[in-house]
């Protein structure tokens, strides 16, 4: 099974992250690459900071 980064795929960039079992299946499953994990974490952190500032 091929694992691709859904975010990279949406941007039209190379997205293959690797393979996972069962290796004999031609299916595709989605994950997220290291670069996009960092972006996602920063967005979540910014959102949490924004929420904290609104409640004060």
N, C-alpha and C. Protein backbone atom coordinates (compact mmCIF):
# COMPACT_ATOMS: atom_id res chain seq x y z
N UNK A 1 0.84 -1.16 0.00
CA UNK A 1 0.00 0.00 0.00
C UNK A 1 0.90 1.23 0.00
N UNK A 2 0.62 2.16 -0.86
CA UNK A 2 1.41 3.38 -0.97
C UNK A 2 0.83 4.46 -0.07
N UNK A 3 1.70 5.13 0.68
CA UNK A 3 1.29 6.21 1.57
C UNK A 3 1.70 7.53 0.92
N UNK A 4 0.74 8.45 0.78
CA UNK A 4 1.03 9.76 0.19
C UNK A 4 0.61 10.85 1.16
N UNK A 5 1.29 11.99 1.09
CA UNK A 5 0.91 13.16 1.88
C UNK A 5 -0.27 13.82 1.19
N UNK A 6 -1.39 13.89 1.89
CA UNK A 6 -2.59 14.49 1.33
C UNK A 6 -2.37 15.97 1.03
N UNK A 7 -1.59 16.65 1.85
CA UNK A 7 -1.36 18.08 1.64
C UNK A 7 -0.52 18.32 0.40
N UNK A 8 0.57 17.57 0.24
CA UNK A 8 1.41 17.70 -0.95
C UNK A 8 0.61 17.36 -2.20
N UNK A 9 -0.18 16.31 -2.11
CA UNK A 9 -0.98 15.88 -3.25
C UNK A 9 -1.94 17.01 -3.67
N UNK A 10 -2.56 17.66 -2.70
CA UNK A 10 -3.48 18.75 -2.99
C UNK A 10 -2.76 19.91 -3.68
N UNK A 11 -1.48 20.10 -3.35
CA UNK A 11 -0.69 21.18 -3.95
C UNK A 11 -0.07 20.78 -5.29
N UNK A 12 -0.26 19.53 -5.70
CA UNK A 12 0.31 19.05 -6.96
C UNK A 12 1.79 18.75 -6.88
N UNK A 13 2.30 18.56 -5.66
CA UNK A 13 3.71 18.25 -5.45
C UNK A 13 3.90 16.75 -5.34
N UNK A 14 5.13 16.26 -5.51
CA UNK A 14 5.38 14.84 -5.25
C UNK A 14 4.94 14.50 -3.83
N UNK A 15 4.20 13.42 -3.67
CA UNK A 15 3.56 13.18 -2.40
C UNK A 15 3.85 11.83 -1.77
N UNK A 16 4.56 10.95 -2.45
CA UNK A 16 4.76 9.58 -1.94
C UNK A 16 5.68 9.62 -0.72
N UNK A 17 5.17 9.08 0.40
CA UNK A 17 5.94 9.00 1.63
C UNK A 17 6.60 7.64 1.80
N UNK A 18 6.04 6.62 1.17
CA UNK A 18 6.60 5.29 1.29
C UNK A 18 5.54 4.22 1.15
N UNK A 19 5.88 3.05 1.65
CA UNK A 19 4.98 1.90 1.57
C UNK A 19 4.66 1.42 2.98
N UNK A 20 3.50 0.79 3.14
CA UNK A 20 3.17 0.14 4.40
C UNK A 20 2.42 -1.14 4.08
N UNK A 21 2.39 -2.01 5.02
CA UNK A 21 1.73 -3.30 4.82
C UNK A 21 0.23 -3.11 4.70
N UNK A 22 -0.41 -3.90 3.91
CA UNK A 22 0.12 -5.02 3.12
C UNK A 22 0.81 -4.49 1.85
N UNK A 23 2.04 -4.91 1.67
CA UNK A 23 2.86 -4.42 0.57
C UNK A 23 2.37 -4.89 -0.79
N UNK A 24 1.60 -5.97 -0.84
CA UNK A 24 1.13 -6.48 -2.13
C UNK A 24 -0.15 -5.80 -2.62
N UNK A 25 -0.69 -4.87 -1.85
CA UNK A 25 -1.89 -4.13 -2.28
C UNK A 25 -1.48 -2.89 -3.06
N UNK A 26 -2.21 -2.60 -4.13
CA UNK A 26 -1.91 -1.43 -4.95
C UNK A 26 -2.68 -0.19 -4.48
N UNK A 27 -3.36 -0.28 -3.36
CA UNK A 27 -4.16 0.84 -2.85
C UNK A 27 -3.28 1.99 -2.38
N UNK A 28 -3.90 3.16 -2.26
CA UNK A 28 -3.24 4.36 -1.75
C UNK A 28 -3.92 4.74 -0.45
N UNK A 29 -3.11 5.11 0.54
CA UNK A 29 -3.64 5.65 1.78
C UNK A 29 -2.96 7.00 2.02
N UNK A 30 -3.54 7.81 2.84
CA UNK A 30 -3.04 9.17 3.03
C UNK A 30 -2.45 9.37 4.42
N UNK A 31 -1.45 10.21 4.46
CA UNK A 31 -0.79 10.61 5.69
C UNK A 31 -0.39 12.07 5.55
N UNK A 32 0.62 12.47 6.30
CA UNK A 32 1.11 13.84 6.23
C UNK A 32 2.63 13.82 6.38
N UNK A 33 3.31 14.57 5.55
CA UNK A 33 4.77 14.60 5.57
C UNK A 33 5.28 15.47 6.73
N UNK A 34 6.56 15.36 7.02
CA UNK A 34 7.17 16.11 8.12
C UNK A 34 7.00 17.62 7.95
N UNK A 35 7.16 18.10 6.73
CA UNK A 35 7.03 19.55 6.46
C UNK A 35 5.62 20.03 6.81
N UNK A 36 4.62 19.28 6.37
CA UNK A 36 3.25 19.71 6.62
C UNK A 36 2.81 19.48 8.06
N UNK A 37 3.43 18.52 8.76
CA UNK A 37 3.17 18.38 10.19
C UNK A 37 3.61 19.64 10.91
N UNK A 38 4.77 20.16 10.56
CA UNK A 38 5.26 21.39 11.19
C UNK A 38 4.33 22.57 10.92
N UNK A 39 3.86 22.69 9.69
CA UNK A 39 2.92 23.76 9.34
C UNK A 39 1.63 23.60 10.12
N UNK A 40 1.11 22.38 10.18
CA UNK A 40 -0.13 22.12 10.90
C UNK A 40 0.01 22.45 12.39
N UNK A 41 1.12 22.02 12.98
CA UNK A 41 1.35 22.31 14.40
C UNK A 41 1.41 23.81 14.66
N UNK A 42 2.08 24.56 13.79
CA UNK A 42 2.17 26.02 13.95
C UNK A 42 0.78 26.64 13.85
N UNK A 43 -0.05 26.15 12.93
CA UNK A 43 -1.41 26.68 12.79
C UNK A 43 -2.24 26.39 14.04
N UNK A 44 -2.10 25.18 14.58
CA UNK A 44 -2.84 24.82 15.79
C UNK A 44 -2.37 25.69 16.95
N UNK A 45 -1.06 25.84 17.09
CA UNK A 45 -0.51 26.67 18.16
C UNK A 45 -1.02 28.10 18.05
N UNK A 46 -1.02 28.65 16.85
CA UNK A 46 -1.50 30.02 16.63
C UNK A 46 -2.98 30.12 16.98
N UNK A 47 -3.74 29.11 16.62
CA UNK A 47 -5.17 29.10 16.93
C UNK A 47 -5.40 29.07 18.44
N UNK A 48 -4.62 28.26 19.16
CA UNK A 48 -4.76 28.18 20.61
C UNK A 48 -4.39 29.49 21.28
N UNK A 49 -3.34 30.13 20.79
CA UNK A 49 -2.93 31.43 21.33
C UNK A 49 -4.02 32.46 21.08
N UNK A 50 -4.58 32.44 19.88
CA UNK A 50 -5.67 33.36 19.54
C UNK A 50 -6.89 33.16 20.42
N UNK A 51 -7.22 31.92 20.70
CA UNK A 51 -8.37 31.62 21.57
C UNK A 51 -8.09 32.09 22.98
N UNK A 52 -6.89 31.89 23.47
CA UNK A 52 -6.54 32.31 24.83
C UNK A 52 -6.61 33.83 24.95
N UNK A 53 -6.19 34.54 23.92
CA UNK A 53 -6.24 36.00 23.95
C UNK A 53 -7.66 36.53 23.92
N UNK A 54 -8.58 35.81 23.29
CA UNK A 54 -9.97 36.27 23.22
C UNK A 54 -10.72 36.06 24.54
N UNK A 55 -10.29 35.08 25.32
CA UNK A 55 -11.00 34.79 26.56
C UNK A 55 -10.51 35.62 27.73
N UNK A 56 -9.42 36.36 27.53
CA UNK A 56 -8.88 37.17 28.62
C UNK A 56 -9.54 38.51 28.65
